[in-house]
Amino acid sequence: MRPNTSREAEQSHAPSLRIGALAPLTPPGWVEAGQHLLAGLELGVKEVNGRGGVGGRPLELVVRDTAADPPRAAAAVDELAEAGVAALVGEYHSVVARAAAARADALGLPFLCSSAVLDALTEEPTEWVARLAPAQSHGWRVYADFLLTAGHTRIAVVAGPGVYWAAGTGILREHFAAHGGTVVGIDLSALTPAAVCDALAAHRATAVLVLAGIPEPAVPIVRAVRGDR
Protein backbone atom coordinates (compact mmCIF):
# COMPACT_ATOMS: atom_id res chain seq x y z
CA MET A 1 0.00 0.00 0.00
CA ARG A 2 1.41 3.36 -0.99
CA PRO A 3 1.73 6.05 1.69
CA ASN A 4 -0.63 9.05 1.68
CA THR A 5 0.64 12.10 -0.13
CA SER A 6 0.70 15.37 1.81
CA ARG A 7 -2.42 16.48 -0.07
CA GLU A 8 -4.27 13.26 0.81
CA ALA A 9 -3.15 13.44 4.43
CA GLU A 10 -4.32 17.04 4.74
CA GLN A 11 -7.61 16.21 3.03
CA SER A 12 -8.23 13.17 5.25
CA HIS A 13 -8.24 15.41 8.34
CA ALA A 14 -10.38 18.18 6.85
CA PRO A 15 -14.15 18.10 7.39
CA SER A 16 -16.01 17.12 4.25
CA LEU A 17 -18.05 19.59 2.23
CA ARG A 18 -21.42 17.89 1.98
CA ILE A 19 -23.46 18.22 -1.21
CA GLY A 20 -27.04 16.99 -1.44
CA ALA A 21 -27.73 14.86 -4.52
CA LEU A 22 -31.25 14.25 -5.87
CA ALA A 23 -32.04 11.47 -8.35
CA PRO A 24 -34.89 9.12 -9.28
CA LEU A 25 -33.55 5.77 -8.08
CA THR A 26 -36.81 3.82 -7.70
CA PRO A 27 -40.02 3.57 -9.76
CA PRO A 28 -42.07 5.33 -10.94
CA GLY A 29 -38.99 7.40 -11.64
CA TRP A 30 -36.78 6.59 -14.61
CA VAL A 31 -34.34 4.49 -12.60
CA GLU A 32 -31.75 4.07 -15.36
CA ALA A 33 -31.58 7.83 -15.86
CA GLY A 34 -31.21 8.33 -12.12
CA GLN A 35 -28.42 5.78 -11.94
CA HIS A 36 -26.56 7.42 -14.81
CA LEU A 37 -27.02 10.84 -13.22
CA LEU A 38 -25.69 9.60 -9.88
CA ALA A 39 -22.73 7.89 -11.57
CA GLY A 40 -21.80 11.20 -13.20
CA LEU A 41 -22.05 13.05 -9.91
CA GLU A 42 -19.90 10.45 -8.18
CA LEU A 43 -17.31 10.69 -10.95
CA GLY A 44 -17.24 14.47 -10.59
CA VAL A 45 -16.73 14.19 -6.84
CA LYS A 46 -13.92 11.69 -7.37
CA GLU A 47 -12.14 14.00 -9.80
CA VAL A 48 -12.50 17.05 -7.54
CA ASN A 49 -11.29 15.14 -4.51
CA GLY A 50 -8.38 13.76 -6.53
CA ARG A 51 -7.27 17.36 -7.10
CA GLY A 52 -7.43 18.21 -3.42
CA GLY A 53 -11.12 18.92 -2.95
CA VAL A 54 -12.50 22.43 -2.51
CA GLY A 55 -10.31 24.62 -0.35
CA GLY A 56 -8.64 21.48 0.97
CA ARG A 57 -11.96 19.92 1.94
CA PRO A 58 -13.16 16.69 0.28
CA LEU A 59 -16.60 16.66 -1.29
CA GLU A 60 -19.17 14.19 0.04
CA LEU A 61 -22.45 13.37 -1.69
CA VAL A 62 -25.52 12.91 0.46
CA VAL A 63 -27.94 11.08 -1.84
CA ARG A 64 -31.74 11.15 -1.68
CA ASP A 65 -34.08 9.21 -3.95
CA THR A 66 -36.90 11.35 -5.36
CA ALA A 67 -38.72 8.47 -7.10
CA ALA A 68 -40.05 11.08 -9.61
CA ASP A 69 -42.33 12.45 -6.90
CA PRO A 70 -42.43 16.27 -6.47
CA PRO A 71 -43.56 16.32 -2.79
CA ARG A 72 -40.92 13.73 -1.94
CA ALA A 73 -38.28 15.86 -3.64
CA ALA A 74 -39.36 18.98 -1.73
CA ALA A 75 -39.21 17.02 1.53
CA ALA A 76 -35.74 15.77 0.62
CA VAL A 77 -34.58 19.36 0.13
CA ASP A 78 -35.81 20.20 3.63
CA GLU A 79 -34.07 17.14 5.06
CA LEU A 80 -30.79 17.89 3.32
CA ALA A 81 -30.90 21.53 4.40
CA GLU A 82 -31.37 20.44 8.00
CA ALA A 83 -28.44 18.03 7.57
CA GLY A 84 -26.24 21.02 6.72
CA VAL A 85 -25.42 20.44 3.05
CA ALA A 86 -23.73 23.36 1.35
CA ALA A 87 -25.64 22.97 -1.92
CA LEU A 88 -27.85 20.66 -3.97
CA VAL A 89 -27.24 19.01 -7.33
CA GLY A 90 -29.05 16.60 -9.58
CA GLU A 91 -32.59 15.49 -10.45
CA TYR A 92 -33.63 14.21 -13.84
CA HIS A 93 -37.39 14.77 -14.14
CA SER A 94 -38.33 18.37 -14.92
CA VAL A 95 -41.52 18.52 -12.85
CA VAL A 96 -39.71 17.03 -9.85
CA ALA A 97 -36.79 19.41 -10.28
CA ARG A 98 -39.22 22.33 -10.32
CA ALA A 99 -40.55 21.31 -6.89
CA ALA A 100 -37.00 20.93 -5.57
CA ALA A 101 -35.98 24.28 -7.06
CA ALA A 102 -38.93 26.08 -5.48
CA ARG A 103 -38.05 24.69 -2.06
CA ALA A 104 -34.32 25.37 -2.45
CA ASP A 105 -35.08 28.95 -3.48
CA ALA A 106 -37.32 29.44 -0.45
CA LEU A 107 -34.55 28.15 1.84
CA GLY A 108 -31.74 30.07 0.13
CA LEU A 109 -29.92 26.82 -0.65
CA PRO A 110 -27.93 26.75 -3.93
CA PHE A 111 -29.29 24.17 -6.39
CA LEU A 112 -27.54 23.20 -9.63
CA CYS A 113 -30.12 21.27 -11.62
CA SER A 114 -28.58 18.63 -13.87
CA SER A 115 -31.24 17.73 -16.42
CA ALA A 116 -34.51 19.65 -16.09
CA VAL A 117 -35.45 21.77 -19.10
CA LEU A 118 -38.84 23.29 -18.23
CA ASP A 119 -38.62 27.01 -18.90
CA ALA A 120 -40.45 27.86 -15.68
CA LEU A 121 -38.08 26.00 -13.37
CA THR A 122 -38.84 28.71 -10.82
CA GLU A 123 -41.69 31.21 -10.74
CA GLU A 124 -39.29 34.18 -10.73
CA PRO A 125 -35.58 34.60 -11.57
CA THR A 126 -33.44 33.62 -8.60
CA GLU A 127 -29.78 33.58 -7.67
CA TRP A 128 -30.20 30.26 -5.86
CA VAL A 129 -31.08 28.02 -8.81
CA ALA A 130 -29.07 27.26 -11.95
CA ARG A 131 -29.15 24.48 -14.51
CA LEU A 132 -26.91 22.77 -17.01
CA ALA A 133 -29.41 21.73 -19.69
CA PRO A 134 -30.77 24.28 -22.20
CA ALA A 135 -34.37 25.40 -21.69
CA GLN A 136 -37.13 23.38 -23.32
CA SER A 137 -38.21 26.30 -25.51
CA HIS A 138 -34.77 26.30 -27.16
CA GLY A 139 -34.31 22.56 -27.66
CA TRP A 140 -37.81 21.87 -28.96
CA ARG A 141 -37.67 24.78 -31.41
CA VAL A 142 -34.43 23.34 -32.80
CA TYR A 143 -36.19 20.01 -33.22
CA ALA A 144 -39.14 21.72 -34.92
CA ASP A 145 -36.75 23.39 -37.36
CA PHE A 146 -35.19 19.99 -38.11
CA LEU A 147 -38.59 18.49 -38.96
CA LEU A 148 -39.60 21.48 -41.09
CA THR A 149 -36.30 21.40 -42.99
CA ALA A 150 -36.84 17.70 -43.65
CA GLY A 151 -40.19 18.56 -45.29
CA HIS A 152 -42.56 17.59 -42.48
CA THR A 153 -45.22 20.28 -42.28
CA ARG A 154 -47.91 18.09 -40.72
CA ILE A 155 -46.83 16.05 -37.73
CA ALA A 156 -48.64 14.20 -34.97
CA VAL A 157 -47.80 14.17 -31.29
CA VAL A 158 -48.91 11.05 -29.43
CA ALA A 159 -48.65 11.96 -25.77
CA GLY A 160 -49.80 10.95 -22.35
CA PRO A 161 -50.64 13.35 -19.53
CA GLY A 162 -47.93 15.50 -18.02
CA VAL A 163 -46.72 19.07 -17.71
CA TYR A 164 -43.48 18.34 -19.57
CA TRP A 165 -45.16 16.77 -22.61
CA ALA A 166 -47.84 19.47 -22.73
CA ALA A 167 -45.26 22.25 -22.60
CA GLY A 168 -43.20 20.66 -25.37
CA THR A 169 -46.24 20.10 -27.57
CA GLY A 170 -47.22 23.74 -27.14
CA ILE A 171 -43.76 24.88 -28.25
CA LEU A 172 -43.90 22.66 -31.34
CA ARG A 173 -47.42 23.77 -32.24
CA GLU A 174 -46.55 27.47 -31.97
CA HIS A 175 -43.34 27.11 -33.99
CA PHE A 176 -44.98 25.01 -36.72
CA ALA A 177 -47.89 27.43 -37.02
CA ALA A 178 -45.46 30.31 -37.56
CA HIS A 179 -44.01 28.41 -40.53
CA GLY A 180 -47.28 27.26 -42.07
CA GLY A 181 -47.21 23.82 -40.47
CA THR A 182 -49.62 21.86 -38.31
CA VAL A 183 -49.23 19.80 -35.16
CA VAL A 184 -52.02 17.33 -34.39
CA GLY A 185 -52.38 16.07 -30.84
CA ILE A 186 -53.41 12.44 -30.19
CA ASP A 187 -54.33 11.42 -26.65
CA LEU A 188 -52.33 8.32 -25.83
CA SER A 189 -54.43 7.40 -22.80
CA ALA A 190 -57.58 6.91 -24.90
CA LEU A 191 -56.21 4.71 -27.71
CA THR A 192 -54.66 1.31 -28.33
CA PRO A 193 -51.50 1.10 -30.50
CA ALA A 194 -53.63 -0.02 -33.47
CA ALA A 195 -56.01 2.91 -32.94
CA VAL A 196 -53.03 5.26 -32.85
CA CYS A 197 -52.05 4.02 -36.32
CA ASP A 198 -55.57 4.66 -37.58
CA ALA A 199 -55.51 8.19 -36.16
CA LEU A 200 -52.16 8.93 -37.81
CA ALA A 201 -53.53 7.83 -41.18
CA ALA A 202 -56.70 9.88 -40.69
CA HIS A 203 -54.70 13.02 -39.88
CA ARG A 204 -52.28 12.42 -42.80
CA ALA A 205 -49.27 12.99 -40.56
CA THR A 206 -45.86 12.46 -42.16
CA ALA A 207 -44.01 12.22 -38.85
CA VAL A 208 -45.02 11.17 -35.36
CA LEU A 209 -43.56 12.03 -31.97
CA VAL A 210 -44.29 9.51 -29.22
CA LEU A 211 -44.07 11.36 -25.92
CA ALA A 212 -44.44 8.56 -23.41
CA GLY A 213 -42.57 6.39 -20.97
CA ILE A 214 -40.14 3.64 -22.00
CA PRO A 215 -40.66 0.69 -22.39
CA GLU A 216 -44.39 1.05 -21.70
CA PRO A 217 -46.35 2.45 -23.41
CA ALA A 218 -43.90 3.82 -26.00
CA VAL A 219 -42.46 0.55 -27.35
CA PRO A 220 -45.78 -1.09 -28.37
CA ILE A 221 -46.81 2.11 -30.15
CA VAL A 222 -43.52 2.36 -32.06
CA ARG A 223 -43.76 -1.29 -33.08
CA ALA A 224 -47.35 -0.84 -34.24
CA VAL A 225 -46.47 2.24 -36.31
CA ARG A 226 -43.44 0.59 -37.90
CA GLY A 227 -45.44 -2.51 -38.76
CA ASP A 228 -48.51 -0.68 -40.05
CA ARG A 229 -49.11 -0.88 -43.77
C-alpha atoms as a PDB file:
ATOM      1  CA  MET A   1       0.000   0.000   0.000  1.00  0.00           C
ATOM      2  CA  ARG A   2       1.412   3.364  -0.994  1.00  0.00           C
ATOM      3  CA  PRO A   3       1.731   6.050   1.694  1.00  0.00           C
ATOM      4  CA  ASN A   4      -0.626   9.046   1.680  1.00  0.00           C
ATOM      5  CA  THR A   5       0.640  12.100  -0.130  1.00  0.00           C
ATOM      6  CA  SER A   6       0.699  15.368   1.810  1.00  0.00           C
ATOM      7  CA  ARG A   7      -2.423  16.477  -0.074  1.00  0.00           C
ATOM      8  CA  GLU A   8      -4.274  13.256   0.815  1.00  0.00           C
ATOM      9  CA  ALA A   9      -3.145  13.444   4.427  1.00  0.00           C
ATOM     10  CA  GLU A  10      -4.315  17.038   4.740  1.00  0.00           C
ATOM     11  CA  GLN A  11      -7.607  16.205   3.028  1.00  0.00           C
ATOM     12  CA  SER A  12      -8.227  13.174   5.247  1.00  0.00           C
ATOM     13  CA  HIS A  13      -8.243  15.415   8.338  1.00  0.00           C
ATOM     14  CA  ALA A  14     -10.384  18.180   6.848  1.00  0.00           C
ATOM     15  CA  PRO A  15     -14.152  18.105   7.387  1.00  0.00           C
ATOM     16  CA  SER A  16     -16.012  17.121   4.246  1.00  0.00           C
ATOM     17  CA  LEU A  17     -18.047  19.589   2.235  1.00  0.00           C
ATOM     18  CA  ARG A  18     -21.420  17.887   1.985  1.00  0.00           C
ATOM     19  CA  ILE A  19     -23.458  18.223  -1.211  1.00  0.00           C
ATOM     20  CA  GLY A  20     -27.037  16.985  -1.444  1.00  0.00           C
ATOM     21  CA  ALA A  21     -27.728  14.858  -4.522  1.00  0.00           C
ATOM     22  CA  LEU A  22     -31.254  14.252  -5.865  1.00  0.00           C
ATOM     23  CA  ALA A  23     -32.037  11.474  -8.353  1.00  0.00           C
ATOM     24  CA  PRO A  24     -34.895   9.119  -9.279  1.00  0.00           C
ATOM     25  CA  LEU A  25     -33.550   5.772  -8.076  1.00  0.00           C
ATOM     26  CA  THR A  26     -36.807   3.824  -7.696  1.00  0.00           C
ATOM     27  CA  PRO A  27     -40.017   3.570  -9.757  1.00  0.00           C
ATOM     28  CA  PRO A  28     -42.069   5.331 -10.938  1.00  0.00           C
ATOM     29  CA  GLY A  29     -38.986   7.404 -11.640  1.00  0.00           C
ATOM     30  CA  TRP A  30     -36.781   6.590 -14.612  1.00  0.00           C
ATOM     31  CA  VAL A  31     -34.341   4.489 -12.598  1.00  0.00           C
ATOM     32  CA  GLU A  32     -31.746   4.066 -15.356  1.00  0.00           C
ATOM     33  CA  ALA A  33     -31.583   7.829 -15.859  1.00  0.00           C
ATOM     34  CA  GLY A  34     -31.215   8.330 -12.119  1.00  0.00           C
ATOM     35  CA  GLN A  35     -28.416   5.782 -11.941  1.00  0.00           C
ATOM     36  CA  HIS A  36     -26.563   7.422 -14.811  1.00  0.00           C
ATOM     37  CA  LEU A  37     -27.017  10.837 -13.219  1.00  0.00           C
ATOM     38  CA  LEU A  38     -25.693   9.603  -9.880  1.00  0.00           C
ATOM     39  CA  ALA A  39     -22.733   7.891 -11.572  1.00  0.00           C
ATOM     40  CA  GLY A  40     -21.802  11.198 -13.204  1.00  0.00           C
ATOM     41  CA  LEU A  41     -22.054  13.052  -9.907  1.00  0.00           C
ATOM     42  CA  GLU A  42     -19.896  10.452  -8.183  1.00  0.00           C
ATOM     43  CA  LEU A  43     -17.311  10.691 -10.952  1.00  0.00           C
ATOM     44  CA  GLY A  44     -17.236  14.470 -10.593  1.00  0.00           C
ATOM     45  CA  VAL A  45     -16.728  14.185  -6.837  1.00  0.00           C
ATOM     46  CA  LYS A  46     -13.923  11.687  -7.369  1.00  0.00           C
ATOM     47  CA  GLU A  47     -12.142  14.004  -9.803  1.00  0.00           C
ATOM     48  CA  VAL A  48     -12.498  17.048  -7.542  1.00  0.00           C
ATOM     49  CA  ASN A  49     -11.292  15.137  -4.512  1.00  0.00           C
ATOM     50  CA  GLY A  50      -8.379  13.760  -6.529  1.00  0.00           C
ATOM     51  CA  ARG A  51      -7.272  17.365  -7.098  1.00  0.00           C
ATOM     52  CA  GLY A  52      -7.431  18.207  -3.416  1.00  0.00           C
ATOM     53  CA  GLY A  53     -11.121  18.925  -2.951  1.00  0.00           C
ATOM     54  CA  VAL A  54     -12.504  22.431  -2.505  1.00  0.00           C
ATOM     55  CA  GLY A  55     -10.310  24.624  -0.347  1.00  0.00           C
ATOM     56  CA  GLY A  56      -8.639  21.485   0.970  1.00  0.00           C
ATOM     57  CA  ARG A  57     -11.957  19.918   1.940  1.00  0.00           C
ATOM     58  CA  PRO A  58     -13.162  16.695   0.276  1.00  0.00           C
ATOM     59  CA  LEU A  59     -16.604  16.658  -1.289  1.00  0.00           C
ATOM     60  CA  GLU A  60     -19.174  14.193   0.040  1.00  0.00           C
ATOM     61  CA  LEU A  61     -22.446  13.372  -1.688  1.00  0.00           C
ATOM     62  CA  VAL A  62     -25.524  12.907   0.461  1.00  0.00           C
ATOM     63  CA  VAL A  63     -27.939  11.084  -1.837  1.00  0.00           C
ATOM     64  CA  ARG A  64     -31.735  11.152  -1.679  1.00  0.00           C
ATOM     65  CA  ASP A  65     -34.085   9.208  -3.949  1.00  0.00           C
ATOM     66  CA  THR A  66     -36.904  11.351  -5.357  1.00  0.00           C
ATOM     67  CA  ALA A  67     -38.716   8.472  -7.105  1.00  0.00           C
ATOM     68  CA  ALA A  68     -40.050  11.076  -9.607  1.00  0.00           C
ATOM     69  CA  ASP A  69     -42.335  12.451  -6.896  1.00  0.00           C
ATOM     70  CA  PRO A  70     -42.426  16.269  -6.466  1.00  0.00           C
ATOM     71  CA  PRO A  71     -43.556  16.318  -2.793  1.00  0.00           C
ATOM     72  CA  ARG A  72     -40.923  13.732  -1.940  1.00  0.00           C
ATOM     73  CA  ALA A  73     -38.282  15.864  -3.643  1.00  0.00           C
ATOM     74  CA  ALA A  74     -39.355  18.980  -1.735  1.00  0.00           C
ATOM     75  CA  ALA A  75     -39.213  17.020   1.530  1.00  0.00           C
ATOM     76  CA  ALA A  76     -35.740  15.773   0.622  1.00  0.00           C
ATOM     77  CA  VAL A  77     -34.583  19.363   0.134  1.00  0.00           C
ATOM     78  CA  ASP A  78     -35.810  20.204   3.635  1.00  0.00           C
ATOM     79  CA  GLU A  79     -34.067  17.144   5.064  1.00  0.00           C
ATOM     80  CA  LEU A  80     -30.792  17.889   3.324  1.00  0.00           C
ATOM     81  CA  ALA A  81     -30.899  21.527   4.396  1.00  0.00           C
ATOM     82  CA  GLU A  82     -31.374  20.442   8.003  1.00  0.00           C
ATOM     83  CA  ALA A  83     -28.440  18.035   7.571  1.00  0.00           C
ATOM     84  CA  GLY A  84     -26.243  21.016   6.717  1.00  0.00           C
ATOM     85  CA  VAL A  85     -25.418  20.438   3.049  1.00  0.00           C
ATOM     86  CA  ALA A  86     -23.727  23.364   1.346  1.00  0.00           C
ATOM     87  CA  ALA A  87     -25.645  22.971  -1.919  1.00  0.00           C
ATOM     88  CA  LEU A  88     -27.853  20.664  -3.973  1.00  0.00           C
ATOM     89  CA  VAL A  89     -27.236  19.015  -7.332  1.00  0.00           C
ATOM     90  CA  GLY A  90     -29.054  16.596  -9.582  1.00  0.00           C
ATOM     91  CA  GLU A  91     -32.594  15.491 -10.449  1.00  0.00           C
ATOM     92  CA  TYR A  92     -33.627  14.212 -13.839  1.00  0.00           C
ATOM     93  CA  HIS A  93     -37.387  14.769 -14.139  1.00  0.00           C
ATOM     94  CA  SER A  94     -38.327  18.365 -14.920  1.00  0.00           C
ATOM     95  CA  VAL A  95     -41.521  18.520 -12.854  1.00  0.00           C
ATOM     96  CA  VAL A  96     -39.710  17.033  -9.851  1.00  0.00           C
ATOM     97  CA  ALA A  97     -36.792  19.412 -10.282  1.00  0.00           C
ATOM     98  CA  ARG A  98     -39.215  22.329 -10.315  1.00  0.00           C
ATOM     99  CA  ALA A  99     -40.546  21.307  -6.893  1.00  0.00           C
ATOM    100  CA  ALA A 100     -37.004  20.934  -5.569  1.00  0.00           C
ATOM    101  CA  ALA A 101     -35.983  24.279  -7.057  1.00  0.00           C
ATOM    102  CA  ALA A 102     -38.927  26.082  -5.476  1.00  0.00           C
ATOM    103  CA  ARG A 103     -38.046  24.694  -2.060  1.00  0.00           C
ATOM    104  CA  ALA A 104     -34.322  25.374  -2.447  1.00  0.00           C
ATOM    105  CA  ASP A 105     -35.076  28.949  -3.480  1.00  0.00           C
ATOM    106  CA  ALA A 106     -37.320  29.439  -0.453  1.00  0.00           C
ATOM    107  CA  LEU A 107     -34.550  28.146   1.835  1.00  0.00           C
ATOM    108  CA  GLY A 108     -31.735  30.069   0.133  1.00  0.00           C
ATOM    109  CA  LEU A 109     -29.919  26.822  -0.647  1.00  0.00           C
ATOM    110  CA  PRO A 110     -27.930  26.745  -3.925  1.00  0.00           C
ATOM    111  CA  PHE A 111     -29.292  24.170  -6.390  1.00  0.00           C
ATOM    112  CA  LEU A 112     -27.541  23.199  -9.630  1.00  0.00           C
ATOM    113  CA  CYS A 113     -30.120  21.267 -11.618  1.00  0.00           C
ATOM    114  CA  SER A 114     -28.580  18.634 -13.865  1.00  0.00           C
ATOM    115  CA  SER A 115     -31.245  17.726 -16.416  1.00  0.00           C
ATOM    116  CA  ALA A 116     -34.510  19.654 -16.091  1.00  0.00           C
ATOM    117  CA  VAL A 117     -35.448  21.770 -19.096  1.00  0.00           C
ATOM    118  CA  LEU A 118     -38.837  23.287 -18.228  1.00  0.00           C
ATOM    119  CA  ASP A 119     -38.616  27.013 -18.898  1.00  0.00           C
ATOM    120  CA  ALA A 120     -40.445  27.862 -15.678  1.00  0.00           C
ATOM    121  CA  LEU A 121     -38.084  26.002 -13.374  1.00  0.00           C
ATOM    122  CA  THR A 122     -38.843  28.715 -10.816  1.00  0.00           C
ATOM    123  CA  GLU A 123     -41.693  31.213 -10.737  1.00  0.00           C
ATOM    124  CA  GLU A 124     -39.294  34.176 -10.732  1.00  0.00           C
ATOM    125  CA  PRO A 125     -35.577  34.597 -11.565  1.00  0.00           C
ATOM    126  CA  THR A 126     -33.438  33.623  -8.601  1.00  0.00           C
ATOM    127  CA  GLU A 127     -29.776  33.582  -7.671  1.00  0.00           C
ATOM    128  CA  TRP A 128     -30.202  30.264  -5.862  1.00  0.00           C
ATOM    129  CA  VAL A 129     -31.085  28.015  -8.810  1.00  0.00           C
ATOM    130  CA  ALA A 130     -29.074  27.265 -11.951  1.00  0.00           C
ATOM    131  CA  ARG A 131     -29.153  24.476 -14.507  1.00  0.00           C
ATOM    132  CA  LEU A 132     -26.906  22.765 -17.013  1.00  0.00           C
ATOM    133  CA  ALA A 133     -29.410  21.733 -19.694  1.00  0.00           C
ATOM    134  CA  PRO A 134     -30.773  24.279 -22.203  1.00  0.00           C
ATOM    135  CA  ALA A 135     -34.368  25.400 -21.690  1.00  0.00           C
ATOM    136  CA  GLN A 136     -37.134  23.378 -23.321  1.00  0.00           C
ATOM    137  CA  SER A 137     -38.214  26.299 -25.514  1.00  0.00           C
ATOM    138  CA  HIS A 138     -34.773  26.300 -27.158  1.00  0.00           C
ATOM    139  CA  GLY A 139     -34.312  22.564 -27.661  1.00  0.00           C
ATOM    140  CA  TRP A 140     -37.809  21.875 -28.956  1.00  0.00           C
ATOM    141  CA  ARG A 141     -37.670  24.777 -31.414  1.00  0.00           C
ATOM    142  CA  VAL A 142     -34.434  23.338 -32.799  1.00  0.00           C
ATOM    143  CA  TYR A 143     -36.191  20.006 -33.220  1.00  0.00           C
ATOM    144  CA  ALA A 144     -39.141  21.723 -34.922  1.00  0.00           C
ATOM    145  CA  ASP A 145     -36.747  23.395 -37.363  1.00  0.00           C
ATOM    146  CA  PHE A 146     -35.191  19.994 -38.106  1.00  0.00           C
ATOM    147  CA  LEU A 147     -38.586  18.495 -38.965  1.00  0.00           C
ATOM    148  CA  LEU A 148     -39.598  21.478 -41.089  1.00  0.00           C
ATOM    149  CA  THR A 149     -36.299  21.402 -42.988  1.00  0.00           C
ATOM    150  CA  ALA A 150     -36.844  17.701 -43.654  1.00  0.00           C
ATOM    151  CA  GLY A 151     -40.190  18.564 -45.293  1.00  0.00           C
ATOM    152  CA  HIS A 152     -42.560  17.589 -42.482  1.00  0.00           C
ATOM    153  CA  THR A 153     -45.220  20.276 -42.280  1.00  0.00           C
ATOM    154  CA  ARG A 154     -47.913  18.087 -40.719  1.00  0.00           C
ATOM    155  CA  ILE A 155     -46.831  16.055 -37.732  1.00  0.00           C
ATOM    156  CA  ALA A 156     -48.645  14.201 -34.968  1.00  0.00           C
ATOM    157  CA  VAL A 157     -47.798  14.166 -31.286  1.00  0.00           C
ATOM    158  CA  VAL A 158     -48.913  11.047 -29.432  1.00  0.00           C
ATOM    159  CA  ALA A 159     -48.650  11.960 -25.772  1.00  0.00           C
ATOM    160  CA  GLY A 160     -49.802  10.950 -22.348  1.00  0.00           C
ATOM    161  CA  PRO A 161     -50.643  13.354 -19.534  1.00  0.00           C
ATOM    162  CA  GLY A 162     -47.929  15.500 -18.018  1.00  0.00           C
ATOM    163  CA  VAL A 163     -46.722  19.073 -17.713  1.00  0.00           C
ATOM    164  CA  TYR A 164     -43.478  18.343 -19.575  1.00  0.00           C
ATOM    165  CA  TRP A 165     -45.162  16.775 -22.615  1.00  0.00           C
ATOM    166  CA  ALA A 166     -47.839  19.467 -22.731  1.00  0.00           C
ATOM    167  CA  ALA A 167     -45.257  22.253 -22.603  1.00  0.00           C
ATOM    168  CA  GLY A 168     -43.199  20.656 -25.374  1.00  0.00           C
ATOM    169  CA  THR A 169     -46.235  20.102 -27.574  1.00  0.00           C
ATOM    170  CA  GLY A 170     -47.219  23.742 -27.137  1.00  0.00           C
ATOM    171  CA  ILE A 171     -43.758  24.880 -28.252  1.00  0.00           C
ATOM    172  CA  LEU A 172     -43.899  22.665 -31.342  1.00  0.00           C
ATOM    173  CA  ARG A 173     -47.421  23.774 -32.239  1.00  0.00           C
ATOM    174  CA  GLU A 174     -46.552  27.469 -31.970  1.00  0.00           C
ATOM    175  CA  HIS A 175     -43.344  27.105 -33.993  1.00  0.00           C
ATOM    176  CA  PHE A 176     -44.978  25.006 -36.717  1.00  0.00           C
ATOM    177  CA  ALA A 177     -47.894  27.432 -37.024  1.00  0.00           C
ATOM    178  CA  ALA A 178     -45.459  30.314 -37.556  1.00  0.00           C
ATOM    179  CA  HIS A 179     -44.013  28.413 -40.534  1.00  0.00           C
ATOM    180  CA  GLY A 180     -47.284  27.264 -42.074  1.00  0.00           C
ATOM    181  CA  GLY A 181     -47.205  23.819 -40.470  1.00  0.00           C
ATOM    182  CA  THR A 182     -49.619  21.864 -38.309  1.00  0.00           C
ATOM    183  CA  VAL A 183     -49.226  19.801 -35.156  1.00  0.00           C
ATOM    184  CA  VAL A 184     -52.020  17.329 -34.393  1.00  0.00           C
ATOM    185  CA  GLY A 185     -52.385  16.070 -30.839  1.00  0.00           C
ATOM    186  CA  ILE A 186     -53.406  12.444 -30.191  1.00  0.00           C
ATOM    187  CA  ASP A 187     -54.329  11.424 -26.646  1.00  0.00           C
ATOM    188  CA  LEU A 188     -52.332   8.324 -25.828  1.00  0.00           C
ATOM    189  CA  SER A 189     -54.433   7.403 -22.802  1.00  0.00           C
ATOM    190  CA  ALA A 190     -57.579   6.914 -24.896  1.00  0.00           C
ATOM    191  CA  LEU A 191     -56.206   4.712 -27.707  1.00  0.00           C
ATOM    192  CA  THR A 192     -54.662   1.310 -28.325  1.00  0.00           C
ATOM    193  CA  PRO A 193     -51.505   1.103 -30.495  1.00  0.00           C
ATOM    194  CA  ALA A 194     -53.634  -0.020 -33.467  1.00  0.00           C
ATOM    195  CA  ALA A 195     -56.006   2.907 -32.940  1.00  0.00           C
ATOM    196  CA  VAL A 196     -53.026   5.265 -32.855  1.00  0.00           C
ATOM    197  CA  CYS A 197     -52.046   4.018 -36.322  1.00  0.00           C
ATOM    198  CA  ASP A 198     -55.572   4.662 -37.581  1.00  0.00           C
ATOM    199  CA  ALA A 199     -55.506   8.195 -36.160  1.00  0.00           C
ATOM    200  CA  LEU A 200     -52.161   8.933 -37.806  1.00  0.00           C
ATOM    201  CA  ALA A 201     -53.534   7.833 -41.178  1.00  0.00           C
ATOM    202  CA  ALA A 202     -56.695   9.883 -40.685  1.00  0.00           C
ATOM    203  CA  HIS A 203     -54.704  13.019 -39.881  1.00  0.00           C
ATOM    204  CA  ARG A 204     -52.277  12.422 -42.803  1.00  0.00           C
ATOM    205  CA  ALA A 205     -49.272  12.988 -40.559  1.00  0.00           C
ATOM    206  CA  THR A 206     -45.858  12.461 -42.157  1.00  0.00           C
ATOM    207  CA  ALA A 207     -44.009  12.216 -38.847  1.00  0.00           C
ATOM    208  CA  VAL A 208     -45.017  11.173 -35.362  1.00  0.00           C
ATOM    209  CA  LEU A 209     -43.562  12.030 -31.967  1.00  0.00           C
ATOM    210  CA  VAL A 210     -44.287   9.513 -29.224  1.00  0.00           C
ATOM    211  CA  LEU A 211     -44.071  11.358 -25.924  1.00  0.00           C
ATOM    212  CA  ALA A 212     -44.435   8.563 -23.410  1.00  0.00           C
ATOM    213  CA  GLY A 213     -42.565   6.386 -20.969  1.00  0.00           C
ATOM    214  CA  ILE A 214     -40.142   3.635 -21.998  1.00  0.00           C
ATOM    215  CA  PRO A 215     -40.660   0.690 -22.386  1.00  0.00           C
ATOM    216  CA  GLU A 216     -44.386   1.049 -21.700  1.00  0.00           C
ATOM    217  CA  PRO A 217     -46.350   2.453 -23.411  1.00  0.00           C
ATOM    218  CA  ALA A 218     -43.903   3.821 -26.003  1.00  0.00           C
ATOM    219  CA  VAL A 219     -42.456   0.553 -27.348  1.00  0.00           C
ATOM    220  CA  PRO A 220     -45.779  -1.085 -28.367  1.00  0.00           C
ATOM    221  CA  ILE A 221     -46.806   2.110 -30.152  1.00  0.00           C
ATOM    222  CA  VAL A 222     -43.525   2.365 -32.061  1.00  0.00           C
ATOM    223  CA  ARG A 223     -43.760  -1.292 -33.078  1.00  0.00           C
ATOM    224  CA  ALA A 224     -47.347  -0.841 -34.241  1.00  0.00           C
ATOM    225  CA  VAL A 225     -46.472   2.242 -36.306  1.00  0.00           C
ATOM    226  CA  ARG A 226     -43.437   0.589 -37.902  1.00  0.00           C
ATOM    227  CA  GLY A 227     -45.445  -2.514 -38.759  1.00  0.00           C
ATOM    228  CA  ASP A 228     -48.512  -0.677 -40.052  1.00  0.00           C
ATOM    229  CA  ARG A 229     -49.106  -0.883 -43.772  1.00  0.00           C
END
